[in-house]
Amino acid sequence: MHCAYHIKSDDQVEVIAGKDKGRVGKVLRVDRKHGRAIVEKVNMIKRHTKPNQAVQQGGIIDKEALIQLSNLMLICPKCTKTSRVGRKILEDGSKVRICKKCGEPVDK
């Protein structure tokens, strides 16, 4: 199930539902297959890990867990408000995401 999502990596988002409602963070990774994303410092879980090559020190480690994309809302870089995302096709044929509040393109 590949469809166009309103959120991409490196976007600033706000959590609109769940235990972390109101928290803001940067999207680190998007799992398109399951419709989830990992957001920096949001939905933290504890992992009990053994020492290995990657983690020299074992113990209880805090890390981010996946969060449903429907619980995230994009923060527009231009107007700095949470906004829904629309799509627009430019004259050169390229597609861009636009902010529904200010109408400005979201993509760099």
PDB file of N, CA and C in Angstrom:
ATOM      1  N   MET A   1       0.841  -1.178   0.000  1.00  0.00           N
ATOM      2  CA  MET A   1       0.000   0.000   0.000  1.00  0.00           C
ATOM      3  C   MET A   1       0.890   1.247   0.000  1.00  0.00           C
ATOM      4  N   HIS A   2       1.250   1.729  -1.161  1.00  0.00           N
ATOM      5  CA  HIS A   2       2.050   2.948  -1.262  1.00  0.00           C
ATOM      6  C   HIS A   2       1.140   4.084  -1.696  1.00  0.00           C
ATOM      7  N   CYS A   3       0.986   5.069  -0.813  1.00  0.00           N
ATOM      8  CA  CYS A   3       0.201   6.240  -1.182  1.00  0.00           C
ATOM      9  C   CYS A   3       0.977   7.476  -0.747  1.00  0.00           C
ATOM     10  N   ALA A   4       0.566   8.608  -1.229  1.00  0.00           N
ATOM     11  CA  ALA A   4       1.272   9.848  -0.921  1.00  0.00           C
ATOM     12  C   ALA A   4       0.939  10.272   0.505  1.00  0.00           C
ATOM     13  N   TYR A   5       1.966  10.367   1.351  1.00  0.00           N
ATOM     14  CA  TYR A   5       1.766  10.791   2.727  1.00  0.00           C
ATOM     15  C   TYR A   5       2.039  12.279   2.868  1.00  0.00           C
ATOM     16  N   HIS A   6       1.450  12.883   3.864  1.00  0.00           N
ATOM     17  CA  HIS A   6       1.596  14.315   4.083  1.00  0.00           C
ATOM     18  C   HIS A   6       2.856  14.654   4.858  1.00  0.00           C
ATOM     19  N   ILE A   7       3.590  13.640   5.307  1.00  0.00           N
ATOM     20  CA  ILE A   7       4.793  13.873   6.121  1.00  0.00           C
ATOM     21  C   ILE A   7       5.975  13.132   5.513  1.00  0.00           C
ATOM     22  N   LYS A   8       7.123  13.814   5.502  1.00  0.00           N
ATOM     23  CA  LYS A   8       8.371  13.227   5.009  1.00  0.00           C
ATOM     24  C   LYS A   8       9.445  13.362   6.084  1.00  0.00           C
ATOM     25  N   SER A   9      10.591  12.755   5.855  1.00  0.00           N
ATOM     26  CA  SER A   9      11.714  12.875   6.789  1.00  0.00           C
ATOM     27  C   SER A   9      12.175  14.328   6.873  1.00  0.00           C
ATOM     28  N   ASP A  10      12.673  14.726   8.036  1.00  0.00           N
ATOM     29  CA  ASP A  10      13.186  16.067   8.336  1.00  0.00           C
ATOM     30  C   ASP A  10      12.097  17.135   8.441  1.00  0.00           C
ATOM     31  N   ASP A  11      10.815  16.759   8.453  1.00  0.00           N
ATOM     32  CA  ASP A  11       9.731  17.722   8.681  1.00  0.00           C
ATOM     33  C   ASP A  11       9.588  17.994  10.176  1.00  0.00           C
ATOM     34  N   GLN A  12       9.176  19.211  10.527  1.00  0.00           N
ATOM     35  CA  GLN A  12       8.810  19.532  11.901  1.00  0.00           C
ATOM     36  C   GLN A  12       7.338  19.180  12.056  1.00  0.00           C
ATOM     37  N   VAL A  13       7.000  18.363  13.052  1.00  0.00           N
ATOM     38  CA  VAL A  13       5.617  17.951  13.248  1.00  0.00           C
ATOM     39  C   VAL A  13       5.201  18.135  14.702  1.00  0.00           C
ATOM     40  N   GLU A  14       3.888  18.193  14.913  1.00  0.00           N
ATOM     41  CA  GLU A  14       3.322  18.231  16.258  1.00  0.00           C
ATOM     42  C   GLU A  14       2.419  17.022  16.416  1.00  0.00           C
ATOM     43  N   VAL A  15       2.467  16.396  17.593  1.00  0.00           N
ATOM     44  CA  VAL A  15       1.613  15.252  17.878  1.00  0.00           C
ATOM     45  C   VAL A  15       0.233  15.782  18.270  1.00  0.00           C
ATOM     46  N   ILE A  16      -0.824  15.295  17.606  1.00  0.00           N
ATOM     47  CA  ILE A  16      -2.172  15.814  17.856  1.00  0.00           C
ATOM     48  C   ILE A  16      -3.046  14.835  18.631  1.00  0.00           C
ATOM     49  N   ALA A  17      -2.537  13.630  18.902  1.00  0.00           N
ATOM     50  CA  ALA A  17      -3.322  12.654  19.655  1.00  0.00           C
ATOM     51  C   ALA A  17      -2.383  11.694  20.373  1.00  0.00           C
ATOM     52  N   GLY A  18      -2.846  11.156  21.488  1.00  0.00           N
ATOM     53  CA  GLY A  18      -2.068  10.171  22.223  1.00  0.00           C
ATOM     54  C   GLY A  18      -1.397  10.750  23.451  1.00  0.00           C
ATOM     55  N   LYS A  19      -0.522   9.945  24.064  1.00  0.00           N
ATOM     56  CA  LYS A  19       0.096  10.346  25.331  1.00  0.00           C
ATOM     57  C   LYS A  19       1.050  11.523  25.182  1.00  0.00           C
ATOM     58  N   ASP A  20       1.591  11.739  23.989  1.00  0.00           N
ATOM     59  CA  ASP A  20       2.534  12.839  23.752  1.00  0.00           C
ATOM     60  C   ASP A  20       1.880  14.021  23.043  1.00  0.00           C
ATOM     61  N   LYS A  21       0.568  14.170  23.167  1.00  0.00           N
ATOM     62  CA  LYS A  21      -0.158  15.237  22.491  1.00  0.00           C
ATOM     63  C   LYS A  21       0.438  16.603  22.830  1.00  0.00           C
ATOM     64  N   GLY A  22       0.683  17.420  21.784  1.00  0.00           N
ATOM     65  CA  GLY A  22       1.245  18.748  21.972  1.00  0.00           C
ATOM     66  C   GLY A  22       2.752  18.808  21.828  1.00  0.00           C
ATOM     67  N   ARG A  23       3.436  17.659  21.830  1.00  0.00           N
ATOM     68  CA  ARG A  23       4.896  17.641  21.692  1.00  0.00           C
ATOM     69  C   ARG A  23       5.285  17.910  20.244  1.00  0.00           C
ATOM     70  N   VAL A  24       6.410  18.576  20.056  1.00  0.00           N
ATOM     71  CA  VAL A  24       6.906  18.931  18.722  1.00  0.00           C
ATOM     72  C   VAL A  24       8.259  18.268  18.520  1.00  0.00           C
ATOM     73  N   GLY A  25       8.507  17.783  17.313  1.00  0.00           N
ATOM     74  CA  GLY A  25       9.790  17.166  17.022  1.00  0.00           C
ATOM     75  C   GLY A  25      10.019  17.039  15.531  1.00  0.00           C
ATOM     76  N   LYS A  26      11.227  16.585  15.194  1.00  0.00           N
ATOM     77  CA  LYS A  26      11.620  16.401  13.797  1.00  0.00           C
ATOM     78  C   LYS A  26      11.446  14.934  13.424  1.00  0.00           C
ATOM     79  N   VAL A  27      10.917  14.682  12.242  1.00  0.00           N
ATOM     80  CA  VAL A  27      10.720  13.314  11.771  1.00  0.00           C
ATOM     81  C   VAL A  27      12.072  12.738  11.368  1.00  0.00           C
ATOM     82  N   LEU A  28      12.443  11.618  11.995  1.00  0.00           N
ATOM     83  CA  LEU A  28      13.721  10.977  11.690  1.00  0.00           C
ATOM     84  C   LEU A  28      13.580   9.967  10.553  1.00  0.00           C
ATOM     85  N   ARG A  29      12.467   9.213  10.570  1.00  0.00           N
ATOM     86  CA  ARG A  29      12.280   8.166   9.567  1.00  0.00           C
ATOM     87  C   ARG A  29      10.795   7.919   9.375  1.00  0.00           C
ATOM     88  N   VAL A  30      10.368   7.606   8.148  1.00  0.00           N
ATOM     89  CA  VAL A  30       8.970   7.298   7.853  1.00  0.00           C
ATOM     90  C   VAL A  30       8.889   5.871   7.334  1.00  0.00           C
ATOM     91  N   ASP A  31       8.000   5.078   7.940  1.00  0.00           N
ATOM     92  CA  ASP A  31       7.741   3.708   7.496  1.00  0.00           C
ATOM     93  C   ASP A  31       6.481   3.739   6.634  1.00  0.00           C
ATOM     94  N   ARG A  32       6.655   3.829   5.324  1.00  0.00           N
ATOM     95  CA  ARG A  32       5.530   3.991   4.414  1.00  0.00           C
ATOM     96  C   ARG A  32       4.651   2.734   4.359  1.00  0.00           C
ATOM     97  N   LYS A  33       5.244   1.578   4.543  1.00  0.00           N
ATOM     98  CA  LYS A  33       4.490   0.329   4.454  1.00  0.00           C
ATOM     99  C   LYS A  33       3.414   0.254   5.533  1.00  0.00           C
ATOM    100  N   HIS A  34       3.740   0.705   6.747  1.00  0.00           N
ATOM    101  CA  HIS A  34       2.802   0.611   7.864  1.00  0.00           C
ATOM    102  C   HIS A  34       2.175   1.954   8.240  1.00  0.00           C
ATOM    103  N   GLY A  35       2.536   3.043   7.565  1.00  0.00           N
ATOM    104  CA  GLY A  35       1.946   4.349   7.840  1.00  0.00           C
ATOM    105  C   GLY A  35       2.350   4.900   9.191  1.00  0.00           C
ATOM    106  N   ARG A  36       3.619   4.750   9.548  1.00  0.00           N
ATOM    107  CA  ARG A  36       4.121   5.208  10.843  1.00  0.00           C
ATOM    108  C   ARG A  36       5.417   5.986  10.661  1.00  0.00           C
ATOM    109  N   ALA A  37       5.815   6.705  11.698  1.00  0.00           N
ATOM    110  CA  ALA A  37       7.047   7.492  11.637  1.00  0.00           C
ATOM    111  C   ALA A  37       7.728   7.493  13.001  1.00  0.00           C
ATOM    112  N   ILE A  38       9.021   7.764  12.991  1.00  0.00           N
ATOM    113  CA  ILE A  38       9.778   7.961  14.227  1.00  0.00           C
ATOM    114  C   ILE A  38      10.069   9.448  14.339  1.00  0.00           C
ATOM    115  N   VAL A  39       9.649  10.047  15.459  1.00  0.00           N
ATOM    116  CA  VAL A  39       9.827  11.480  15.696  1.00  0.00           C
ATOM    117  C   VAL A  39      10.799  11.654  16.860  1.00  0.00           C
ATOM    118  N   GLU A  40      11.712  12.603  16.702  1.00  0.00           N
ATOM    119  CA  GLU A  40      12.750  12.855  17.691  1.00  0.00           C
ATOM    120  C   GLU A  40      12.148  13.218  19.057  1.00  0.00           C
ATOM    121  N   LYS A  41      12.538  12.481  20.110  1.00  0.00           N
ATOM    122  CA  LYS A  41      12.131  12.718  21.509  1.00  0.00           C
ATOM    123  C   LYS A  41      10.622  12.608  21.738  1.00  0.00           C
ATOM    124  N   VAL A  42       9.923  11.827  20.904  1.00  0.00           N
ATOM    125  CA  VAL A  42       8.479  11.614  21.067  1.00  0.00           C
ATOM    126  C   VAL A  42       8.224  10.114  21.102  1.00  0.00           C
ATOM    127  N   ASN A  43       7.259   9.678  21.925  1.00  0.00           N
ATOM    128  CA  ASN A  43       6.884   8.277  22.071  1.00  0.00           C
ATOM    129  C   ASN A  43       8.082   7.440  22.516  1.00  0.00           C
ATOM    130  N   MET A  44       8.728   7.884  23.591  1.00  0.00           N
ATOM    131  CA  MET A  44       9.924   7.209  24.098  1.00  0.00           C
ATOM    132  C   MET A  44       9.542   5.901  24.799  1.00  0.00           C
ATOM    133  N   ILE A  45      10.359   4.853  24.549  1.00  0.00           N
ATOM    134  CA  ILE A  45      10.181   3.560  25.207  1.00  0.00           C
ATOM    135  C   ILE A  45      11.507   3.144  25.816  1.00  0.00           C
ATOM    136  N   LYS A  46      11.466   2.179  26.714  1.00  0.00           N
ATOM    137  CA  LYS A  46      12.685   1.668  27.337  1.00  0.00           C
ATOM    138  C   LYS A  46      12.997   0.298  26.740  1.00  0.00           C
ATOM    139  N   ARG A  47      14.227   0.091  26.346  1.00  0.00           N
ATOM    140  CA  ARG A  47      14.690  -1.169  25.784  1.00  0.00           C
ATOM    141  C   ARG A  47      15.770  -1.740  26.686  1.00  0.00           C
ATOM    142  N   HIS A  48      15.618  -2.999  27.082  1.00  0.00           N
ATOM    143  CA  HIS A  48      16.639  -3.680  27.868  1.00  0.00           C
ATOM    144  C   HIS A  48      17.585  -4.350  26.883  1.00  0.00           C
ATOM    145  N   THR A  49      18.844  -3.907  26.846  1.00  0.00           N
ATOM    146  CA  THR A  49      19.780  -4.405  25.834  1.00  0.00           C
ATOM    147  C   THR A  49      21.008  -5.025  26.481  1.00  0.00           C
ATOM    148  N   LYS A  50      21.516  -6.035  25.802  1.00  0.00           N
ATOM    149  CA  LYS A  50      22.777  -6.650  26.207  1.00  0.00           C
ATOM    150  C   LYS A  50      23.916  -5.882  25.549  1.00  0.00           C
ATOM    151  N   PRO A  51      25.089  -5.904  26.157  1.00  0.00           N
ATOM    152  CA  PRO A  51      26.238  -5.286  25.492  1.00  0.00           C
ATOM    153  C   PRO A  51      26.581  -6.042  24.213  1.00  0.00           C
ATOM    154  N   ASN A  52      26.896  -5.297  23.130  1.00  0.00           N
ATOM    155  CA  ASN A  52      27.325  -5.903  21.875  1.00  0.00           C
ATOM    156  C   ASN A  52      28.260  -4.926  21.158  1.00  0.00           C
ATOM    157  N   GLN A  53      28.567  -5.189  19.899  1.00  0.00           N
ATOM    158  CA  GLN A  53      29.488  -4.328  19.154  1.00  0.00           C
ATOM    159  C   GLN A  53      28.944  -2.906  19.012  1.00  0.00           C
ATOM    160  N   ALA A  54      27.646  -2.779  18.731  1.00  0.00           N
ATOM    161  CA  ALA A  54      27.060  -1.449  18.536  1.00  0.00           C
ATOM    162  C   ALA A  54      26.906  -0.710  19.854  1.00  0.00           C
ATOM    163  N   VAL A  55      26.452  -1.418  20.899  1.00  0.00           N
ATOM    164  CA  VAL A  55      26.236  -0.797  22.207  1.00  0.00           C
ATOM    165  C   VAL A  55      27.227  -1.426  23.188  1.00  0.00           C
ATOM    166  N   GLN A  56      28.297  -0.708  23.505  1.00  0.00           N
ATOM    167  CA  GLN A  56      29.316  -1.239  24.412  1.00  0.00           C
ATOM    168  C   GLN A  56      28.762  -1.438  25.814  1.00  0.00           C
ATOM    169  N   GLN A  57      27.957  -0.459  26.267  1.00  0.00           N
ATOM    170  CA  GLN A  57      27.376  -0.492  27.606  1.00  0.00           C
ATOM    171  C   GLN A  57      25.945  -1.030  27.497  1.00  0.00           C
ATOM    172  N   GLY A  58      25.659  -2.140  28.143  1.00  0.00           N
ATOM    173  CA  GLY A  58      24.301  -2.674  28.132  1.00  0.00           C
ATOM    174  C   GLY A  58      23.440  -1.938  29.144  1.00  0.00           C
ATOM    175  N   GLY A  59      22.201  -2.380  29.331  1.00  0.00           N
ATOM    176  CA  GLY A  59      21.333  -1.775  30.322  1.00  0.00           C
ATOM    177  C   GLY A  59      20.024  -1.322  29.710  1.00  0.00           C
ATOM    178  N   ILE A  60      19.360  -0.409  30.403  1.00  0.00           N
ATOM    179  CA  ILE A  60      18.068   0.098  29.948  1.00  0.00           C
ATOM    180  C   ILE A  60      18.304   1.361  29.131  1.00  0.00           C
ATOM    181  N   ILE A  61      17.888   1.331  27.869  1.00  0.00           N
ATOM    182  CA  ILE A  61      18.131   2.436  26.949  1.00  0.00           C
ATOM    183  C   ILE A  61      16.801   3.043  26.537  1.00  0.00           C
ATOM    184  N   ASP A  62      16.705   4.386  26.568  1.00  0.00           N
ATOM    185  CA  ASP A  62      15.518   5.089  26.068  1.00  0.00           C
ATOM    186  C   ASP A  62      15.669   5.293  24.568  1.00  0.00           C
ATOM    187  N   LYS A  63      14.621   4.962  23.812  1.00  0.00           N
ATOM    188  CA  LYS A  63      14.651   5.199  22.376  1.00  0.00           C
ATOM    189  C   LYS A  63      13.251   5.536  21.887  1.00  0.00           C
ATOM    190  N   GLU A  64      13.187   6.120  20.687  1.00  0.00           N
ATOM    191  CA  GLU A  64      11.903   6.510  20.107  1.00  0.00           C
ATOM    192  C   GLU A  64      11.217   5.302  19.476  1.00  0.00           C
ATOM    193  N   ALA A  65       9.904   5.235  19.632  1.00  0.00           N
ATOM    194  CA  ALA A  65       9.117   4.184  18.989  1.00  0.00           C
ATOM    195  C   ALA A  65       8.318   4.797  17.840  1.00  0.00           C
ATOM    196  N   LEU A  66       7.806   3.936  16.981  1.00  0.00           N
ATOM    197  CA  LEU A  66       7.002   4.395  15.854  1.00  0.00           C
ATOM    198  C   LEU A  66       5.697   5.015  16.343  1.00  0.00           C
ATOM    199  N   ILE A  67       5.216   6.013  15.626  1.00  0.00           N
ATOM    200  CA  ILE A  67       3.943   6.665  15.939  1.00  0.00           C
ATOM    201  C   ILE A  67       3.145   6.770  14.646  1.00  0.00           C
ATOM    202  N   GLN A  68       1.830   6.589  14.759  1.00  0.00           N
ATOM    203  CA  GLN A  68       0.945   6.594  13.598  1.00  0.00           C
ATOM    204  C   GLN A  68       0.982   7.963  12.900  1.00  0.00           C
ATOM    205  N   LEU A  69       1.043   7.981  11.566  1.00  0.00           N
ATOM    206  CA  LEU A  69       1.090   9.237  10.808  1.00  0.00           C
ATOM    207  C   LEU A  69      -0.172  10.072  10.988  1.00  0.00           C
ATOM    208  N   SER A  70      -1.297   9.406  11.266  1.00  0.00           N
ATOM    209  CA  SER A  70      -2.547  10.145  11.460  1.00  0.00           C
ATOM    210  C   SER A  70      -2.529  10.952  12.756  1.00  0.00           C
ATOM    211  N   ASN A  71      -1.603  10.643  13.654  1.00  0.00           N
ATOM    212  CA  ASN A  71      -1.486  11.376  14.918  1.00  0.00           C
ATOM    213  C   ASN A  71      -0.495  12.537  14.824  1.00  0.00           C
ATOM    214  N   LEU A  72       0.036  12.787  13.633  1.00  0.00           N
ATOM    215  CA  LEU A  72       1.018  13.852  13.440  1.00  0.00           C
ATOM    216  C   LEU A  72       0.456  14.921  12.517  1.00  0.00           C
ATOM    217  N   MET A  73       0.823  16.182  12.778  1.00  0.00           N
ATOM    218  CA  MET A  73       0.412  17.281  11.916  1.00  0.00           C
ATOM    219  C   MET A  73       1.634  18.129  11.593  1.00  0.00           C
ATOM    220  N   LEU A  74       1.787  18.460  10.332  1.00  0.00           N
ATOM    221  CA  LEU A  74       2.941  19.212   9.858  1.00  0.00           C
ATOM    222  C   LEU A  74       2.924  20.652  10.364  1.00  0.00           C
ATOM    223  N   ILE A  75       4.088  21.165  10.752  1.00  0.00           N
ATOM    224  CA  ILE A  75       4.235  22.574  11.109  1.00  0.00           C
ATOM    225  C   ILE A  75       4.842  23.268   9.901  1.00  0.00           C
ATOM    226  N   CYS A  76       4.114  24.251   9.365  1.00  0.00           N
ATOM    227  CA  CYS A  76       4.567  24.973   8.175  1.00  0.00           C
ATOM    228  C   CYS A  76       5.808  25.792   8.514  1.00  0.00           C
ATOM    229  N   PRO A  77       6.880  25.693   7.721  1.00  0.00           N
ATOM    230  CA  PRO A  77       8.090  26.479   8.000  1.00  0.00           C
ATOM    231  C   PRO A  77       7.906  27.979   7.772  1.00  0.00           C
ATOM    232  N   LYS A  78       6.930  28.365   6.932  1.00  0.00           N
ATOM    233  CA  LYS A  78       6.730  29.781   6.634  1.00  0.00           C
ATOM    234  C   LYS A  78       5.895  30.467   7.723  1.00  0.00           C
ATOM    235  N   CYS A  79       4.696  29.910   8.022  1.00  0.00           N
ATOM    236  CA  CYS A  79       3.799  30.571   8.980  1.00  0.00           C
ATOM    237  C   CYS A  79       3.919  29.993  10.391  1.00  0.00           C
ATOM    238  N   THR A  80       4.739  28.961  10.590  1.00  0.00           N
ATOM    239  CA  THR A  80       5.002  28.303  11.880  1.00  0.00           C
ATOM    240  C   THR A  80       3.729  27.873  12.611  1.00  0.00           C
ATOM    241  N   LYS A  81       2.698  27.469  11.868  1.00  0.00           N
ATOM    242  CA  LYS A  81       1.470  26.956  12.464  1.00  0.00           C
ATOM    243  C   LYS A  81       1.267  25.526  11.981  1.00  0.00           C
ATOM    244  N   THR A  82       0.556  24.724  12.791  1.00  0.00           N
ATOM    245  CA  THR A  82       0.203  23.393  12.312  1.00  0.00           C
ATOM    246  C   THR A  82      -0.848  23.548  11.233  1.00  0.00           C
ATOM    247  N   SER A  83      -0.699  22.780  10.185  1.00  0.00           N
ATOM    248  CA  SER A  83      -1.583  22.962   9.047  1.00  0.00           C
ATOM    249  C   SER A  83      -1.768  21.654   8.305  1.00  0.00           C
ATOM    250  N   ARG A  84      -2.896  21.552   7.625  1.00  0.00           N
ATOM    251  CA  ARG A  84      -3.090  20.435   6.724  1.00  0.00           C
ATOM    252  C   ARG A  84      -2.253  20.684   5.469  1.00  0.00           C
ATOM    253  N   VAL A  85      -2.016  19.615   4.726  1.00  0.00           N
ATOM    254  CA  VAL A  85      -1.126  19.703   3.573  1.00  0.00           C
ATOM    255  C   VAL A  85      -1.910  19.431   2.305  1.00  0.00           C
ATOM    256  N   GLY A  86      -1.710  20.295   1.313  1.00  0.00           N
ATOM    257  CA  GLY A  86      -2.298  20.088  -0.001  1.00  0.00           C
ATOM    258  C   GLY A  86      -1.197  19.816  -1.010  1.00  0.00           C
ATOM    259  N   ARG A  87      -1.591  19.510  -2.236  1.00  0.00           N
ATOM    260  CA  ARG A  87      -0.610  19.267  -3.286  1.00  0.00           C
ATOM    261  C   ARG A  87      -0.902  20.203  -4.448  1.00  0.00           C
ATOM    262  N   LYS A  88       0.167  20.616  -5.115  1.00  0.00           N
ATOM    263  CA  LYS A  88       0.020  21.520  -6.255  1.00  0.00           C
ATOM    264  C   LYS A  88       1.032  21.102  -7.312  1.00  0.00           C
ATOM    265  N   ILE A  89       0.631  21.174  -8.573  1.00  0.00           N
ATOM    266  CA  ILE A  89       1.550  20.872  -9.670  1.00  0.00           C
ATOM    267  C   ILE A  89       2.006  22.195 -10.256  1.00  0.00           C
ATOM    268  N   LEU A  90       3.317  22.411 -10.274  1.00  0.00           N
ATOM    269  CA  LEU A  90       3.889  23.655 -10.789  1.00  0.00           C
ATOM    270  C   LEU A  90       3.918  23.636 -12.316  1.00  0.00           C
ATOM    271  N   GLU A  91       4.302  24.785 -12.898  1.00  0.00           N
ATOM    272  CA  GLU A  91       4.341  24.906 -14.363  1.00  0.00           C
ATOM    273  C   GLU A  91       5.308  23.920 -14.999  1.00  0.00           C
ATOM    274  N   ASP A  92       6.429  23.634 -14.288  1.00  0.00           N
ATOM    275  CA  ASP A  92       7.418  22.705 -14.849  1.00  0.00           C
ATOM    276  C   ASP A  92       7.012  21.240 -14.673  1.00  0.00           C
ATOM    277  N   GLY A  93       5.838  20.987 -14.076  1.00  0.00           N
ATOM    278  CA  GLY A  93       5.335  19.619 -13.947  1.00  0.00           C
ATOM    279  C   GLY A  93       5.677  18.937 -12.639  1.00  0.00           C
ATOM    280  N   SER A  94       6.450  19.602 -11.774  1.00  0.00           N
ATOM    281  CA  SER A  94       6.819  18.992 -10.501  1.00  0.00           C
ATOM    282  C   SER A  94       5.719  19.201  -9.464  1.00  0.00           C
ATOM    283  N   LYS A  95       5.567  18.216  -8.571  1.00  0.00           N
ATOM    284  CA  LYS A  95       4.562  18.299  -7.515  1.00  0.00           C
ATOM    285  C   LYS A  95       5.209  18.846  -6.254  1.00  0.00           C
ATOM    286  N   VAL A  96       4.508  19.734  -5.543  1.00  0.00           N
ATOM    287  CA  VAL A  96       4.990  20.240  -4.261  1.00  0.00           C
ATOM    288  C   VAL A  96       3.858  20.165  -3.244  1.00  0.00           C
ATOM    289  N   ARG A  97       4.241  20.035  -1.977  1.00  0.00           N
ATOM    290  CA  ARG A  97       3.259  20.090  -0.896  1.00  0.00           C
ATOM    291  C   ARG A  97       3.074  21.558  -0.513  1.00  0.00           C
ATOM    292  N   ILE A  98       1.825  21.961  -0.273  1.00  0.00           N
ATOM    293  CA  ILE A  98       1.572  23.347   0.118  1.00  0.00           C
ATOM    294  C   ILE A  98       0.830  23.372   1.454  1.00  0.00           C
ATOM    295  N   CYS A  99       1.045  24.453   2.200  1.00  0.00           N
ATOM    296  CA  CYS A  99       0.352  24.689   3.466  1.00  0.00           C
ATOM    297  C   CYS A  99      -1.045  25.188   3.155  1.00  0.00           C
ATOM    298  N   LYS A 100      -2.070  24.592   3.760  1.00  0.00           N
ATOM    299  CA  LYS A 100      -3.455  24.980   3.502  1.00  0.00           C
ATOM    300  C   LYS A 100      -3.793  26.338   4.142  1.00  0.00           C
ATOM    301  N   LYS A 101      -3.007  26.773   5.143  1.00  0.00           N
ATOM    302  CA  LYS A 101      -3.309  28.047   5.807  1.00  0.00           C
ATOM    303  C   LYS A 101      -2.728  29.238   5.064  1.00  0.00           C
ATOM    304  N   CYS A 102      -1.431  29.163   4.689  1.00  0.00           N
ATOM    305  CA  CYS A 102      -0.801  30.306   4.038  1.00  0.00           C
ATOM    306  C   CYS A 102      -0.626  30.116   2.531  1.00  0.00           C
ATOM    307  N   GLY A 103      -0.784  28.903   2.029  1.00  0.00           N
ATOM    308  CA  GLY A 103      -0.683  28.649   0.596  1.00  0.00           C
ATOM    309  C   GLY A 103       0.730  28.562   0.064  1.00  0.00           C
ATOM    310  N   GLU A 104       1.719  28.672   0.952  1.00  0.00           N
ATOM    311  CA  GLU A 104       3.124  28.625   0.536  1.00  0.00           C
ATOM    312  C   GLU A 104       3.594  27.165   0.400  1.00  0.00           C
ATOM    313  N   PRO A 105       4.560  26.900  -0.482  1.00  0.00           N
ATOM    314  CA  PRO A 105       5.115  25.540  -0.588  1.00  0.00           C
ATOM    315  C   PRO A 105       5.860  25.156   0.687  1.00  0.00           C
ATOM    316  N   VAL A 106       5.706  23.904   1.089  1.00  0.00           N
ATOM    317  CA  VAL A 106       6.351  23.390   2.296  1.00  0.00           C
ATOM    318  C   VAL A 106       7.746  22.858   1.974  1.00  0.00           C
ATOM    319  N   ASP A 107       7.889  22.252   0.777  1.00  0.00           N
ATOM    320  CA  ASP A 107       9.165  21.649   0.395  1.00  0.00           C
ATOM    321  C   ASP A 107      10.210  22.720   0.106  1.00  0.00           C
ATOM    322  N   LYS A 108      11.477  22.338   0.351  1.00  0.00           N
ATOM    323  CA  LYS A 108      12.572  23.285   0.134  1.00  0.00           C
ATOM    324  C   LYS A 108      12.790  23.502  -1.343  1.00  0.00           C
TER     325      LYS A 108
END
